[in-house]
Amino acid sequence: MNVQLRPFDFAQALAKAGMTPASPSSGTGGTGGTAPASGTGGASFGDAMADALKGVSDSQNQANNMARAVQLDDPNVSLESTMVAIQKAQVGFQAVLQVRNRLVSAYSDIMNMQV
């Protein structure tokens, strides 16, 4: 198996995310970006989070349906595929939970800042 790694293109990743890279003279050191204005076609963070939650919910529902089918001895559903679906749903849920925890932590840090 031949695996080739390509260098990471930060500008291309920002363009795919709908963000524009900051210029080095903007004072941010060129590491930040600005969020797209509404109506420019870029997806907002809220939309991305809602899509992630919907995807996790769908995978959990699929895993529950497969588990129910295994319990009812459905010959079309294997135990192995059911266990994989359950693990995928669990990993997705843990990822969304960690993002939520980080957001809550960042919000509380910002609210505790003195101005």
Protein backbone atom coordinates (compact mmCIF):
# COMPACT_ATOMS: atom_id res chain seq x y z
CA MET A 1 0.00 0.00 0.00
CA ASN A 2 1.58 3.25 -1.16
CA VAL A 3 0.52 6.31 0.83
CA GLN A 4 1.67 9.74 -0.24
CA LEU A 5 1.28 12.77 1.99
CA ARG A 6 0.81 16.20 0.51
CA PRO A 7 1.76 19.39 2.34
CA PHE A 8 -1.11 21.14 4.07
CA ASP A 9 -2.33 24.20 2.17
CA PHE A 10 -3.73 26.54 4.82
CA ALA A 11 -5.06 29.07 2.29
CA GLN A 12 -6.97 26.36 0.46
CA ALA A 13 -8.46 25.08 3.73
CA LEU A 14 -9.59 28.59 4.64
CA ALA A 15 -11.14 29.03 1.19
CA LYS A 16 -13.07 25.76 1.56
CA ALA A 17 -14.31 26.92 4.98
CA GLY A 18 -15.51 30.18 3.45
CA MET A 19 -12.95 32.27 5.31
CA THR A 20 -10.33 34.66 3.99
CA PRO A 21 -6.74 34.59 5.28
CA ALA A 22 -5.56 37.69 7.12
CA SER A 23 -2.66 39.56 5.59
CA PRO A 24 0.60 39.66 7.58
CA SER A 25 0.31 43.45 7.88
CA SER A 26 -3.12 43.25 9.53
CA GLY A 27 -1.61 42.79 12.97
CA THR A 28 -2.76 39.21 13.44
CA GLY A 29 0.43 37.65 12.16
CA GLY A 30 -1.38 36.02 9.27
CA THR A 31 -2.74 33.23 11.44
CA GLY A 32 -6.35 34.30 11.71
CA GLY A 33 -9.25 34.73 9.38
CA THR A 34 -12.46 36.62 9.29
CA ALA A 35 -15.85 35.02 9.30
CA PRO A 36 -17.77 35.37 6.06
CA ALA A 37 -20.47 37.97 5.90
CA SER A 38 -24.00 36.65 5.81
CA GLY A 39 -25.21 36.01 2.32
CA THR A 40 -21.78 35.22 0.87
CA GLY A 41 -22.50 31.52 0.60
CA GLY A 42 -20.16 30.43 3.42
CA ALA A 43 -21.56 28.15 6.10
CA SER A 44 -21.64 29.58 9.60
CA PHE A 45 -20.39 27.77 12.66
CA GLY A 46 -23.96 27.39 13.88
CA ASP A 47 -24.95 25.66 10.65
CA ALA A 48 -21.94 23.35 10.86
CA MET A 49 -22.77 22.49 14.47
CA ALA A 50 -26.42 21.84 13.61
CA ASP A 51 -25.36 19.55 10.76
CA ALA A 52 -22.99 17.69 13.09
CA LEU A 53 -25.74 17.23 15.68
CA LYS A 54 -28.14 15.99 13.01
CA GLY A 55 -25.54 13.52 11.74
CA VAL A 56 -24.88 12.20 15.26
CA SER A 57 -28.60 11.89 15.90
CA ASP A 58 -29.09 9.99 12.64
CA SER A 59 -26.23 7.60 13.43
CA GLN A 60 -27.63 6.98 16.92
CA ASN A 61 -31.08 6.27 15.48
CA GLN A 62 -29.58 3.90 12.91
CA ALA A 63 -27.59 2.08 15.63
CA ASN A 64 -30.71 1.76 17.80
CA ASN A 65 -32.72 0.38 14.88
CA MET A 66 -29.98 -2.12 14.06
CA ALA A 67 -29.74 -3.20 17.73
CA ARG A 68 -33.50 -3.71 17.82
CA ALA A 69 -33.32 -5.78 14.61
CA VAL A 70 -30.56 -7.97 16.10
CA GLN A 71 -32.63 -8.49 19.25
CA LEU A 72 -35.55 -9.59 17.08
CA ASP A 73 -33.29 -12.08 15.23
CA ASP A 74 -33.51 -10.33 11.88
CA PRO A 75 -31.29 -12.38 9.52
CA ASN A 76 -30.52 -9.28 7.39
CA VAL A 77 -28.66 -7.49 10.21
CA SER A 78 -25.41 -8.89 11.57
CA LEU A 79 -24.15 -8.42 15.10
CA GLU A 80 -20.80 -7.17 13.81
CA SER A 81 -22.28 -4.38 11.70
CA THR A 82 -24.53 -3.43 14.61
CA MET A 83 -21.58 -3.16 16.99
CA VAL A 84 -19.67 -1.02 14.47
CA ALA A 85 -22.68 1.29 14.05
CA ILE A 86 -23.01 1.62 17.83
CA GLN A 87 -19.32 2.50 18.17
CA LYS A 88 -19.54 5.06 15.34
CA ALA A 89 -22.51 6.70 17.05
CA GLN A 90 -20.67 6.75 20.36
CA VAL A 91 -17.52 8.31 18.85
CA GLY A 92 -19.60 10.96 17.07
CA PHE A 93 -21.46 11.79 20.26
CA GLN A 94 -18.22 12.08 22.25
CA ALA A 95 -16.77 14.42 19.59
CA VAL A 96 -19.81 16.70 19.67
CA LEU A 97 -19.78 16.63 23.47
CA GLN A 98 -16.13 17.71 23.54
CA VAL A 99 -16.84 20.59 21.15
CA ARG A 100 -19.72 21.69 23.36
CA ASN A 101 -17.53 21.51 26.47
CA ARG A 102 -14.85 23.61 24.79
CA LEU A 103 -17.43 26.19 23.72
CA VAL A 104 -18.85 26.44 27.24
CA SER A 105 -15.35 26.77 28.66
CA ALA A 106 -14.44 29.50 26.16
CA TYR A 107 -17.69 31.35 26.88
CA SER A 108 -17.12 31.26 30.63
CA ASP A 109 -13.50 32.43 30.16
CA ILE A 110 -14.68 35.36 28.06
CA MET A 111 -17.43 36.26 30.51
CA ASN A 112 -14.95 36.21 33.42
CA MET A 113 -12.54 38.60 31.69
CA GLN A 114 -12.28 42.03 33.20
CA VAL A 115 -12.45 44.94 30.83
